[in-house]
């Protein structure tokens, strides 16, 4: 199954990037994606590519966002509900890194809804915890004056 092998190659590159190995050939990753023909893998590979781009350096954030949006689109179209939840969950992380906390909360809420619908209890609990953390009020530091 060449498509399955390509998914694993992309996932391996993702694992390397997450372990701070930055020597990844992005052109080869994109070729693996193009060579994968099975719809079942489209969302997962799109999300993995997004994760690679987000974590390889700071210059690929907009491209990472395009790939996670693609993952959401194809997972929705292909009825891959758990993968759709994971894509929304990851999109929340991307938005959090961008400083878009309202957007991150919205995406986490969507992931929670999807995880609940498809019975992904462990993922549901984790997303609920992440959302609760985002909803905690942030304290602004103020200068203390000597009195």
N, C-alpha and C. Protein backbone atom coordinates (compact mmCIF):
# COMPACT_ATOMS: atom_id res chain seq x y z
N UNK A 1 0.82 -1.18 0.00
CA UNK A 1 0.00 0.00 0.00
C UNK A 1 0.87 1.24 0.00
N UNK A 2 1.17 1.77 -1.17
CA UNK A 2 2.02 2.96 -1.25
C UNK A 2 1.46 4.16 -0.50
N UNK A 3 0.15 4.35 -0.52
CA UNK A 3 -0.45 5.49 0.19
C UNK A 3 -0.22 5.37 1.69
N UNK A 4 -0.38 4.17 2.22
CA UNK A 4 -0.14 3.95 3.64
C UNK A 4 1.31 4.21 4.02
N UNK A 5 2.23 3.80 3.15
CA UNK A 5 3.65 4.05 3.39
C UNK A 5 3.94 5.55 3.39
N UNK A 6 3.28 6.28 2.50
CA UNK A 6 3.50 7.72 2.45
C UNK A 6 2.98 8.42 3.71
N UNK A 7 1.86 7.94 4.23
CA UNK A 7 1.33 8.48 5.48
C UNK A 7 2.36 8.28 6.59
N UNK A 8 2.92 7.09 6.65
CA UNK A 8 3.92 6.80 7.68
C UNK A 8 5.17 7.65 7.50
N UNK A 9 5.57 7.91 6.28
CA UNK A 9 6.74 8.77 6.03
C UNK A 9 6.47 10.19 6.52
N UNK A 10 5.27 10.69 6.27
CA UNK A 10 4.90 12.03 6.73
C UNK A 10 4.85 12.05 8.26
N UNK A 11 4.27 11.02 8.85
CA UNK A 11 4.19 10.94 10.31
C UNK A 11 5.58 10.85 10.94
N UNK A 12 6.50 10.15 10.29
CA UNK A 12 7.87 10.06 10.78
C UNK A 12 8.54 11.44 10.74
N UNK A 13 8.33 12.17 9.66
CA UNK A 13 8.88 13.53 9.56
C UNK A 13 8.31 14.41 10.67
N UNK A 14 7.02 14.26 10.94
CA UNK A 14 6.38 15.01 12.03
C UNK A 14 7.04 14.68 13.36
N UNK A 15 7.26 13.39 13.61
CA UNK A 15 7.90 12.98 14.86
C UNK A 15 9.31 13.56 14.99
N UNK A 16 10.03 13.58 13.88
CA UNK A 16 11.39 14.16 13.90
C UNK A 16 11.34 15.64 14.25
N UNK A 17 10.42 16.36 13.63
CA UNK A 17 10.31 17.80 13.90
C UNK A 17 9.94 18.03 15.36
N UNK A 18 9.04 17.21 15.89
CA UNK A 18 8.63 17.37 17.29
C UNK A 18 9.78 17.05 18.25
N UNK A 19 10.80 16.33 17.77
CA UNK A 19 12.00 16.04 18.55
C UNK A 19 13.14 17.00 18.19
N UNK A 20 12.77 18.16 17.63
CA UNK A 20 13.72 19.23 17.28
C UNK A 20 14.72 18.86 16.19
N UNK A 21 14.39 17.88 15.38
CA UNK A 21 15.21 17.59 14.21
C UNK A 21 14.64 18.43 13.07
N UNK A 22 15.42 19.37 12.60
CA UNK A 22 14.91 20.34 11.63
C UNK A 22 15.32 20.03 10.18
N UNK A 23 16.11 18.98 9.99
CA UNK A 23 16.58 18.64 8.65
C UNK A 23 15.53 17.80 7.92
N UNK A 24 14.44 18.47 7.55
CA UNK A 24 13.31 17.81 6.88
C UNK A 24 13.20 18.38 5.47
N UNK A 25 13.07 17.51 4.50
CA UNK A 25 12.90 17.93 3.11
C UNK A 25 11.40 18.15 2.86
N UNK A 26 10.98 19.41 2.97
CA UNK A 26 9.56 19.73 2.81
C UNK A 26 9.05 19.36 1.42
N UNK A 27 9.87 19.53 0.40
CA UNK A 27 9.44 19.16 -0.95
C UNK A 27 9.11 17.67 -1.04
N UNK A 28 9.90 16.85 -0.37
CA UNK A 28 9.64 15.41 -0.36
C UNK A 28 8.35 15.11 0.40
N UNK A 29 8.11 15.83 1.49
CA UNK A 29 6.87 15.65 2.26
C UNK A 29 5.67 15.97 1.38
N UNK A 30 5.75 17.08 0.64
CA UNK A 30 4.64 17.45 -0.24
C UNK A 30 4.46 16.41 -1.34
N UNK A 31 5.55 15.82 -1.83
CA UNK A 31 5.46 14.77 -2.85
C UNK A 31 4.77 13.53 -2.28
N UNK A 32 5.11 13.17 -1.04
CA UNK A 32 4.44 12.03 -0.41
C UNK A 32 2.94 12.29 -0.36
N UNK A 33 2.55 13.51 -0.04
CA UNK A 33 1.12 13.85 0.01
C UNK A 33 0.48 13.69 -1.36
N UNK A 34 1.11 14.25 -2.37
CA UNK A 34 0.57 14.18 -3.74
C UNK A 34 0.47 12.74 -4.24
N UNK A 35 1.41 11.90 -3.82
CA UNK A 35 1.43 10.51 -4.27
C UNK A 35 0.43 9.62 -3.53
N UNK A 36 -0.12 10.12 -2.43
CA UNK A 36 -1.10 9.34 -1.67
C UNK A 36 -2.47 9.49 -2.33
N UNK A 37 -3.08 8.39 -2.65
CA UNK A 37 -4.33 8.41 -3.41
C UNK A 37 -5.58 8.08 -2.60
N UNK A 38 -5.42 7.55 -1.40
CA UNK A 38 -6.58 7.11 -0.63
C UNK A 38 -7.18 8.28 0.17
N UNK A 39 -8.48 8.49 0.01
CA UNK A 39 -9.17 9.57 0.70
C UNK A 39 -9.09 9.44 2.22
N UNK A 40 -9.03 8.22 2.69
CA UNK A 40 -9.01 7.98 4.14
C UNK A 40 -7.83 8.67 4.81
N UNK A 41 -6.75 8.92 4.07
CA UNK A 41 -5.54 9.51 4.64
C UNK A 41 -5.42 11.01 4.38
N UNK A 42 -6.28 11.60 3.57
CA UNK A 42 -6.10 12.99 3.16
C UNK A 42 -6.07 13.97 4.34
N UNK A 43 -7.01 13.84 5.25
CA UNK A 43 -7.06 14.76 6.38
C UNK A 43 -5.90 14.56 7.33
N UNK A 44 -5.62 13.31 7.64
CA UNK A 44 -4.52 13.02 8.56
C UNK A 44 -3.19 13.55 8.03
N UNK A 45 -2.92 13.31 6.75
CA UNK A 45 -1.66 13.78 6.19
C UNK A 45 -1.63 15.31 6.10
N UNK A 46 -2.75 15.92 5.79
CA UNK A 46 -2.80 17.39 5.75
C UNK A 46 -2.51 17.97 7.14
N UNK A 47 -3.11 17.37 8.17
CA UNK A 47 -2.87 17.85 9.53
C UNK A 47 -1.42 17.63 9.94
N UNK A 48 -0.87 16.48 9.60
CA UNK A 48 0.54 16.20 9.93
C UNK A 48 1.47 17.21 9.25
N UNK A 49 1.18 17.52 8.00
CA UNK A 49 1.99 18.52 7.29
C UNK A 49 1.87 19.87 7.99
N UNK A 50 0.66 20.22 8.41
CA UNK A 50 0.46 21.46 9.15
C UNK A 50 1.31 21.48 10.42
N UNK A 51 1.31 20.36 11.13
CA UNK A 51 2.10 20.27 12.37
C UNK A 51 3.59 20.40 12.07
N UNK A 52 4.05 19.79 10.99
CA UNK A 52 5.45 19.91 10.60
C UNK A 52 5.78 21.38 10.34
N UNK A 53 4.95 22.04 9.54
CA UNK A 53 5.21 23.43 9.18
C UNK A 53 5.18 24.35 10.39
N UNK A 54 4.27 24.11 11.32
CA UNK A 54 4.17 24.96 12.50
C UNK A 54 5.38 24.79 13.41
N UNK A 55 5.91 23.58 13.47
CA UNK A 55 6.97 23.30 14.43
C UNK A 55 8.38 23.32 13.86
N UNK A 56 8.52 23.41 12.55
CA UNK A 56 9.86 23.40 11.97
C UNK A 56 10.57 24.74 12.18
N UNK A 57 9.81 25.84 12.06
CA UNK A 57 10.34 27.17 12.33
C UNK A 57 9.18 28.16 12.37
N UNK A 58 9.49 29.43 12.55
CA UNK A 58 8.45 30.45 12.67
C UNK A 58 8.01 31.03 11.33
N UNK A 59 8.61 30.62 10.24
CA UNK A 59 8.32 31.22 8.94
C UNK A 59 7.18 30.57 8.18
N UNK A 60 6.65 29.47 8.67
CA UNK A 60 5.65 28.71 7.92
C UNK A 60 4.26 28.72 8.55
N UNK A 61 3.98 29.67 9.44
CA UNK A 61 2.71 29.64 10.16
C UNK A 61 1.51 29.79 9.23
N UNK A 62 1.57 30.70 8.27
CA UNK A 62 0.40 30.87 7.39
C UNK A 62 0.20 29.64 6.51
N UNK A 63 1.28 29.02 6.10
CA UNK A 63 1.18 27.80 5.30
C UNK A 63 0.62 26.65 6.16
N UNK A 64 1.04 26.60 7.42
CA UNK A 64 0.51 25.59 8.34
C UNK A 64 -0.99 25.77 8.51
N UNK A 65 -1.43 27.02 8.57
CA UNK A 65 -2.86 27.29 8.71
C UNK A 65 -3.63 26.84 7.47
N UNK A 66 -3.05 27.03 6.30
CA UNK A 66 -3.70 26.57 5.06
C UNK A 66 -3.87 25.05 5.08
N UNK A 67 -2.85 24.34 5.55
CA UNK A 67 -2.91 22.88 5.56
C UNK A 67 -3.91 22.36 6.58
N UNK A 68 -4.02 23.00 7.74
CA UNK A 68 -5.01 22.51 8.73
C UNK A 68 -6.42 22.82 8.24
N UNK A 69 -6.60 23.92 7.54
CA UNK A 69 -7.91 24.20 6.95
C UNK A 69 -8.26 23.15 5.90
N UNK A 70 -7.26 22.74 5.14
CA UNK A 70 -7.46 21.68 4.15
C UNK A 70 -7.85 20.37 4.85
N UNK A 71 -7.19 20.08 5.96
CA UNK A 71 -7.51 18.86 6.73
C UNK A 71 -8.97 18.89 7.18
N UNK A 72 -9.41 20.03 7.68
CA UNK A 72 -10.79 20.16 8.13
C UNK A 72 -11.75 19.95 6.96
N UNK A 73 -11.43 20.56 5.84
CA UNK A 73 -12.29 20.44 4.65
C UNK A 73 -12.42 18.99 4.19
N UNK A 74 -11.30 18.28 4.06
CA UNK A 74 -11.37 16.92 3.53
C UNK A 74 -11.93 15.93 4.56
N UNK A 75 -11.62 16.15 5.84
CA UNK A 75 -12.20 15.26 6.86
C UNK A 75 -13.71 15.41 6.91
N UNK A 76 -14.18 16.64 6.78
CA UNK A 76 -15.63 16.88 6.77
C UNK A 76 -16.26 16.22 5.55
N UNK A 77 -15.66 16.44 4.39
CA UNK A 77 -16.18 15.87 3.14
C UNK A 77 -16.17 14.35 3.15
N UNK A 78 -15.12 13.77 3.74
CA UNK A 78 -14.97 12.31 3.74
C UNK A 78 -15.61 11.63 4.94
N UNK A 79 -16.24 12.41 5.83
CA UNK A 79 -16.92 11.83 6.98
C UNK A 79 -15.99 11.24 8.02
N UNK A 80 -14.79 11.75 8.11
CA UNK A 80 -13.79 11.25 9.06
C UNK A 80 -13.90 12.05 10.35
N UNK A 81 -14.88 11.73 11.17
CA UNK A 81 -15.25 12.57 12.31
C UNK A 81 -14.14 12.68 13.36
N UNK A 82 -13.52 11.59 13.76
CA UNK A 82 -12.46 11.68 14.76
C UNK A 82 -11.31 12.52 14.24
N UNK A 83 -10.93 12.30 12.98
CA UNK A 83 -9.86 13.10 12.38
C UNK A 83 -10.27 14.57 12.29
N UNK A 84 -11.56 14.82 12.02
CA UNK A 84 -12.06 16.20 11.97
C UNK A 84 -11.92 16.86 13.34
N UNK A 85 -12.26 16.13 14.38
CA UNK A 85 -12.06 16.65 15.73
C UNK A 85 -10.61 16.95 16.02
N UNK A 86 -9.73 16.06 15.61
CA UNK A 86 -8.28 16.27 15.82
C UNK A 86 -7.79 17.49 15.05
N UNK A 87 -8.33 17.70 13.85
CA UNK A 87 -7.92 18.86 13.05
C UNK A 87 -8.36 20.16 13.73
N UNK A 88 -9.59 20.19 14.23
CA UNK A 88 -10.05 21.38 14.96
C UNK A 88 -9.21 21.59 16.22
N UNK A 89 -8.90 20.52 16.90
CA UNK A 89 -8.08 20.56 18.10
C UNK A 89 -6.70 21.16 17.78
N UNK A 90 -6.09 20.67 16.72
CA UNK A 90 -4.77 21.20 16.35
C UNK A 90 -4.88 22.65 15.88
N UNK A 91 -5.94 22.98 15.15
CA UNK A 91 -6.12 24.36 14.70
C UNK A 91 -6.19 25.29 15.92
N UNK A 92 -6.81 24.83 16.99
CA UNK A 92 -6.85 25.63 18.22
C UNK A 92 -5.44 25.91 18.73
N UNK A 93 -4.58 24.91 18.69
CA UNK A 93 -3.18 25.09 19.12
C UNK A 93 -2.48 26.12 18.24
N UNK A 94 -2.68 26.03 16.94
CA UNK A 94 -2.07 26.97 16.02
C UNK A 94 -2.54 28.40 16.32
N UNK A 95 -3.85 28.56 16.52
CA UNK A 95 -4.40 29.88 16.81
C UNK A 95 -3.90 30.41 18.15
N UNK A 96 -3.75 29.52 19.11
CA UNK A 96 -3.21 29.92 20.41
C UNK A 96 -1.79 30.47 20.23
N UNK A 97 -0.99 29.80 19.43
CA UNK A 97 0.38 30.27 19.18
C UNK A 97 0.40 31.62 18.46
N UNK A 98 -0.62 31.84 17.63
CA UNK A 98 -0.73 33.13 16.93
C UNK A 98 -1.21 34.24 17.85
N UNK A 99 -1.71 33.87 19.02
CA UNK A 99 -2.25 34.84 19.95
C UNK A 99 -3.73 35.10 19.77
N UNK A 100 -4.40 34.28 18.96
CA UNK A 100 -5.83 34.42 18.71
C UNK A 100 -6.59 33.51 19.68
N UNK A 101 -6.72 33.96 20.93
CA UNK A 101 -7.38 33.13 21.93
C UNK A 101 -8.87 32.92 21.67
N UNK A 102 -9.61 33.94 21.21
CA UNK A 102 -11.03 33.67 20.88
C UNK A 102 -11.17 32.61 19.78
N UNK A 103 -10.32 32.67 18.76
CA UNK A 103 -10.36 31.67 17.70
C UNK A 103 -10.00 30.29 18.21
N UNK A 104 -9.00 30.23 19.11
CA UNK A 104 -8.59 28.95 19.69
C UNK A 104 -9.73 28.35 20.51
N UNK A 105 -10.42 29.18 21.27
CA UNK A 105 -11.55 28.70 22.07
C UNK A 105 -12.66 28.16 21.16
N UNK A 106 -12.90 28.86 20.07
CA UNK A 106 -13.94 28.43 19.12
C UNK A 106 -13.59 27.06 18.52
N UNK A 107 -12.34 26.89 18.11
CA UNK A 107 -11.92 25.62 17.51
C UNK A 107 -11.94 24.48 18.53
N UNK A 108 -11.52 24.77 19.77
CA UNK A 108 -11.58 23.74 20.80
C UNK A 108 -13.02 23.35 21.10
N UNK A 109 -13.92 24.33 21.11
CA UNK A 109 -15.34 24.03 21.33
C UNK A 109 -15.87 23.12 20.24
N UNK A 110 -15.46 23.37 18.99
CA UNK A 110 -15.89 22.53 17.87
C UNK A 110 -15.31 21.12 18.03
N UNK A 111 -14.04 21.03 18.42
CA UNK A 111 -13.42 19.71 18.64
C UNK A 111 -14.17 18.95 19.73
N UNK A 112 -14.54 19.65 20.81
CA UNK A 112 -15.28 19.02 21.90
C UNK A 112 -16.61 18.48 21.40
N UNK A 113 -17.30 19.25 20.61
CA UNK A 113 -18.59 18.82 20.05
C UNK A 113 -18.41 17.55 19.21
N UNK A 114 -17.40 17.55 18.37
CA UNK A 114 -17.16 16.40 17.48
C UNK A 114 -16.72 15.18 18.28
N UNK A 115 -15.79 15.36 19.23
CA UNK A 115 -15.35 14.23 20.05
C UNK A 115 -16.54 13.62 20.80
N UNK A 116 -17.43 14.47 21.29
CA UNK A 116 -18.62 13.97 21.99
C UNK A 116 -19.52 13.16 21.08
N UNK A 117 -19.68 13.62 19.84
CA UNK A 117 -20.54 12.93 18.89
C UNK A 117 -19.98 11.57 18.48
N UNK A 118 -18.67 11.48 18.40
CA UNK A 118 -18.11 10.20 17.91
C UNK A 118 -17.59 9.31 19.03
N UNK A 119 -17.82 9.71 20.29
CA UNK A 119 -17.48 8.85 21.41
C UNK A 119 -16.01 8.78 21.74
N UNK A 120 -15.24 9.79 21.38
CA UNK A 120 -13.80 9.82 21.67
C UNK A 120 -13.60 10.43 23.06
N UNK A 121 -13.93 9.66 24.09
CA UNK A 121 -13.99 10.18 25.46
C UNK A 121 -12.66 10.74 25.97
N UNK A 122 -11.58 10.05 25.71
CA UNK A 122 -10.27 10.54 26.17
C UNK A 122 -9.89 11.85 25.50
N UNK A 123 -10.11 11.93 24.20
CA UNK A 123 -9.83 13.16 23.46
C UNK A 123 -10.77 14.28 23.92
N UNK A 124 -12.02 13.92 24.20
CA UNK A 124 -13.01 14.89 24.69
C UNK A 124 -12.54 15.50 26.01
N UNK A 125 -12.13 14.65 26.93
CA UNK A 125 -11.69 15.14 28.24
C UNK A 125 -10.48 16.06 28.10
N UNK A 126 -9.53 15.68 27.29
CA UNK A 126 -8.32 16.50 27.09
C UNK A 126 -8.69 17.85 26.49
N UNK A 127 -9.55 17.87 25.50
CA UNK A 127 -9.96 19.13 24.87
C UNK A 127 -10.72 20.00 25.86
N UNK A 128 -11.55 19.39 26.69
CA UNK A 128 -12.28 20.15 27.72
C UNK A 128 -11.31 20.78 28.71
N UNK A 129 -10.28 20.04 29.10
CA UNK A 129 -9.26 20.58 30.01
C UNK A 129 -8.51 21.74 29.35
N UNK A 130 -8.17 21.58 28.08
CA UNK A 130 -7.47 22.64 27.35
C UNK A 130 -8.33 23.90 27.25
N UNK A 131 -9.63 23.71 26.98
CA UNK A 131 -10.54 24.86 26.90
C UNK A 131 -10.68 25.54 28.25
N UNK A 132 -10.79 24.77 29.33
CA UNK A 132 -10.88 25.35 30.67
C UNK A 132 -9.64 26.17 30.98
N UNK A 133 -8.49 25.68 30.56
CA UNK A 133 -7.23 26.42 30.77
C UNK A 133 -7.23 27.74 30.00
N UNK A 134 -7.74 27.72 28.80
CA UNK A 134 -7.81 28.95 27.99
C UNK A 134 -8.80 29.95 28.57
N UNK A 135 -9.81 29.46 29.26
CA UNK A 135 -10.85 30.34 29.78
C UNK A 135 -10.50 30.94 31.14
N UNK A 136 -9.40 30.49 31.72
CA UNK A 136 -8.99 31.08 33.00
C UNK A 136 -8.61 32.53 32.76
N UNK A 137 -9.03 33.40 33.67
CA UNK A 137 -8.66 34.81 33.50
C UNK A 137 -7.15 34.98 33.65
N UNK A 138 -6.61 35.82 32.81
CA UNK A 138 -5.18 36.10 32.90
C UNK A 138 -4.97 37.30 33.79
N UNK A 139 -3.99 37.23 34.60
CA UNK A 139 -3.67 38.35 35.49
C UNK A 139 -2.69 39.26 34.81
N UNK A 140 -3.01 40.51 34.82
CA UNK A 140 -2.08 41.49 34.28
C UNK A 140 -1.18 41.96 35.40
N UNK A 141 0.08 42.00 35.07
CA UNK A 141 1.02 42.43 36.09
C UNK A 141 1.00 43.95 36.15
N UNK A 142 0.96 44.45 37.33
CA UNK A 142 0.97 45.90 37.52
C UNK A 142 2.19 46.28 38.32
N UNK A 143 2.66 47.48 38.08
CA UNK A 143 3.81 47.98 38.85
C UNK A 143 3.34 48.29 40.26
N UNK A 144 4.11 47.85 41.17
CA UNK A 144 3.81 48.19 42.56
C UNK A 144 4.54 49.47 42.90
N UNK A 145 3.83 50.36 43.55
CA UNK A 145 4.44 51.63 43.93
C UNK A 145 4.82 51.57 45.39
N UNK A 146 5.90 52.23 45.69
CA UNK A 146 6.34 52.29 47.09
C UNK A 146 5.48 53.33 47.80
N UNK A 147 5.04 52.98 48.99
CA UNK A 147 4.12 53.87 49.67
C UNK A 147 4.62 54.47 50.90
